[in-house]
Amino acid sequence: MSEDPIKRAGLRERFWEKVPLKNLAPKEWEALCDGCGKCCLNKLEDPDTNEIAFTRVACRLLDSETCRCGQYDIRLQFVPDCVQLTPQNISKIAYWMPASCAYRLIYDGKPLYDWHPLISGTAETVHAAGMSVQGWTVPEFEVAEEDWEDHIIEEPT
């Protein structure tokens, strides 16, 4: 079992059920991340319908085994168009997030899944439940952008 890079100790009990997203402490905001890695999948957006299609092509910074960004703290230096989800922009970005994403679930007024680390108490349950991208992505530097359509997947939910 790998160590959870998100420090979840010392948080308010079930804060996600009681505190609006805009009022979360930074540590609580970060703790909502389930570590699935789905947000690091490159997506295609239909310009006419705004429909989002997920691909198995992952950001070059994603570690496909841990499902974590290899350079999280400085990711914007390497990937300037990386979307930094915040309480201020979630209303504009929630539709783009995976359906199982805790940020989207809470924004939409839905509960977290049992496999979420805040519920289960361990970061491994997201992988055990098959809800992460662990082991099945292709790094973006191996696929030309014009070929991403060939890698469209059904969103893993």
Protein backbone atom coordinates (compact mmCIF):
# COMPACT_ATOMS: atom_id res chain seq x y z
CA MET A 1 0.00 0.00 0.00
CA SER A 2 1.41 3.38 -0.99
CA GLU A 3 1.28 6.41 1.24
CA ASP A 4 -1.44 8.93 0.51
CA PRO A 5 0.26 12.17 -0.59
CA ILE A 6 -2.77 14.11 0.65
CA LYS A 7 -2.63 14.66 4.37
CA ARG A 8 -6.14 13.97 5.57
CA ALA A 9 -5.50 13.90 9.33
CA GLY A 10 -6.82 16.73 11.49
CA LEU A 11 -9.66 17.76 9.20
CA ARG A 12 -13.11 18.71 10.43
CA GLU A 13 -15.35 15.66 10.65
CA ARG A 14 -17.35 15.16 7.42
CA PHE A 15 -16.61 18.77 6.46
CA TRP A 16 -17.78 18.17 2.87
CA GLU A 17 -21.33 17.64 4.13
CA LYS A 18 -21.41 20.73 6.32
CA VAL A 19 -19.26 23.43 4.75
CA PRO A 20 -19.88 25.10 1.37
CA LEU A 21 -17.03 24.54 -1.09
CA LYS A 22 -16.18 28.25 -1.10
CA ASN A 23 -15.63 28.14 2.68
CA LEU A 24 -13.33 25.11 2.84
CA ALA A 25 -9.86 25.50 4.27
CA PRO A 26 -7.14 24.86 1.66
CA LYS A 27 -6.26 21.53 3.31
CA GLU A 28 -9.92 20.46 3.15
CA TRP A 29 -10.18 21.48 -0.50
CA GLU A 30 -7.14 19.35 -1.36
CA ALA A 31 -8.50 16.43 0.69
CA LEU A 32 -11.55 16.24 -1.57
CA CYS A 33 -9.34 14.86 -4.34
CA ASP A 34 -9.85 11.10 -4.50
CA GLY A 35 -6.63 10.48 -6.43
CA CYS A 36 -8.30 8.82 -9.40
CA GLY A 37 -6.27 10.70 -12.03
CA LYS A 38 -9.27 11.09 -14.36
CA CYS A 39 -8.92 14.86 -14.42
CA CYS A 40 -5.46 14.34 -15.95
CA LEU A 41 -6.90 12.54 -18.96
CA ASN A 42 -6.91 14.67 -22.06
CA LYS A 43 -10.43 15.46 -23.17
CA LEU A 44 -12.00 16.53 -26.41
CA GLU A 45 -14.87 19.00 -26.38
CA ASP A 46 -17.40 19.16 -29.20
CA PRO A 47 -17.59 22.86 -30.10
CA ASP A 48 -21.25 22.58 -31.11
CA THR A 49 -22.64 20.62 -28.16
CA ASN A 50 -19.94 21.26 -25.52
CA GLU A 51 -20.02 17.49 -24.91
CA ILE A 52 -16.83 16.21 -23.29
CA ALA A 53 -15.17 13.01 -24.51
CA PHE A 54 -12.52 11.46 -22.30
CA THR A 55 -9.47 9.84 -23.89
CA ARG A 56 -7.02 7.35 -22.45
CA VAL A 57 -4.29 9.86 -23.36
CA ALA A 58 -2.93 11.27 -20.10
CA CYS A 59 -1.09 14.46 -19.30
CA ARG A 60 2.65 13.98 -19.56
CA LEU A 61 3.00 14.68 -15.83
CA LEU A 62 0.63 11.92 -14.69
CA ASP A 63 2.23 8.94 -12.98
CA SER A 64 0.04 6.12 -14.29
CA GLU A 65 0.70 3.87 -11.30
CA THR A 66 0.03 6.33 -8.47
CA CYS A 67 -2.51 8.37 -10.50
CA ARG A 68 -0.86 11.53 -9.19
CA CYS A 69 0.78 14.46 -10.88
CA GLY A 70 4.54 14.02 -10.84
CA GLN A 71 5.04 17.79 -10.45
CA TYR A 72 1.82 18.91 -8.74
CA ASP A 73 3.20 21.96 -6.95
CA ILE A 74 4.86 23.35 -10.09
CA ARG A 75 2.68 21.73 -12.77
CA LEU A 76 1.69 25.05 -14.36
CA GLN A 77 5.34 25.67 -15.23
CA PHE A 78 5.32 22.51 -17.37
CA VAL A 79 1.69 22.48 -18.49
CA PRO A 80 0.51 26.10 -18.64
CA ASP A 81 -3.00 25.10 -19.74
CA CYS A 82 -3.46 22.70 -16.81
CA VAL A 83 -6.75 23.59 -15.19
CA GLN A 84 -6.33 24.51 -11.56
CA LEU A 85 -9.68 23.77 -9.96
CA THR A 86 -10.61 26.24 -7.22
CA PRO A 87 -13.72 27.14 -5.24
CA GLN A 88 -13.89 30.27 -7.41
CA ASN A 89 -13.93 28.49 -10.79
CA ILE A 90 -15.75 25.22 -10.05
CA SER A 91 -19.05 26.59 -11.36
CA LYS A 92 -17.44 27.03 -14.78
CA ILE A 93 -15.48 23.76 -14.75
CA ALA A 94 -17.67 21.21 -12.95
CA TYR A 95 -19.22 19.95 -16.22
CA TRP A 96 -15.72 19.12 -17.46
CA MET A 97 -14.77 17.08 -14.40
CA PRO A 98 -15.38 13.31 -14.26
CA ALA A 99 -18.86 12.36 -13.03
CA SER A 100 -17.33 10.53 -10.04
CA CYS A 101 -15.12 13.48 -9.03
CA ALA A 102 -15.71 14.56 -5.42
CA TYR A 103 -15.52 18.24 -6.36
CA ARG A 104 -18.27 17.75 -8.95
CA LEU A 105 -20.34 15.53 -6.66
CA ILE A 106 -20.25 18.05 -3.81
CA TYR A 107 -20.88 20.95 -6.21
CA ASP A 108 -23.93 19.05 -7.52
CA GLY A 109 -25.16 18.30 -3.98
CA LYS A 110 -24.43 14.57 -4.15
CA PRO A 111 -22.70 12.34 -1.58
CA LEU A 112 -19.21 10.91 -1.90
CA TYR A 113 -18.85 7.27 -2.92
CA ASP A 114 -17.85 4.65 -0.35
CA TRP A 115 -14.49 4.18 -2.08
CA HIS A 116 -13.51 7.85 -1.58
CA PRO A 117 -10.54 8.10 0.83
CA LEU A 118 -12.46 10.48 3.11
CA ILE A 119 -15.09 7.74 3.58
CA SER A 120 -12.93 4.61 3.42
CA GLY A 121 -9.97 5.99 5.35
CA THR A 122 -7.43 4.84 2.77
CA ALA A 123 -6.23 6.15 -0.59
CA GLU A 124 -6.10 2.63 -2.03
CA THR A 125 -9.86 2.12 -2.26
CA VAL A 126 -10.19 4.32 -5.36
CA HIS A 127 -7.89 1.87 -7.17
CA ALA A 128 -9.42 -1.27 -5.64
CA ALA A 129 -12.86 -0.10 -6.78
CA GLY A 130 -11.57 0.32 -10.34
CA MET A 131 -12.32 4.03 -10.24
CA SER A 132 -8.85 5.29 -11.09
CA VAL A 133 -6.84 5.38 -14.29
CA GLN A 134 -4.18 3.19 -12.74
CA GLY A 135 -2.30 1.18 -15.36
CA TRP A 136 -4.33 1.91 -18.50
CA THR A 137 -3.37 5.36 -19.76
CA VAL A 138 -1.13 6.33 -22.67
CA PRO A 139 1.24 9.29 -22.14
CA GLU A 140 0.39 12.24 -24.37
CA PHE A 141 3.91 12.37 -25.80
CA GLU A 142 3.24 8.96 -27.41
CA VAL A 143 0.11 10.07 -29.30
CA ALA A 144 -0.17 12.95 -31.75
CA GLU A 145 -2.96 15.31 -30.77
CA GLU A 146 -4.74 14.73 -34.09
CA ASP A 147 -4.95 11.04 -33.13
CA TRP A 148 -6.58 11.55 -29.71
CA GLU A 149 -9.99 10.76 -31.24
CA ASP A 150 -8.71 7.20 -31.73
CA HIS A 151 -8.33 6.93 -27.94
CA ILE A 152 -11.79 8.10 -26.82
CA ILE A 153 -13.15 6.02 -23.96
CA GLU A 154 -16.36 5.79 -22.01
CA GLU A 155 -15.83 7.72 -18.82
CA PRO A 156 -15.01 5.17 -16.12
CA THR A 157 -17.78 5.51 -13.55
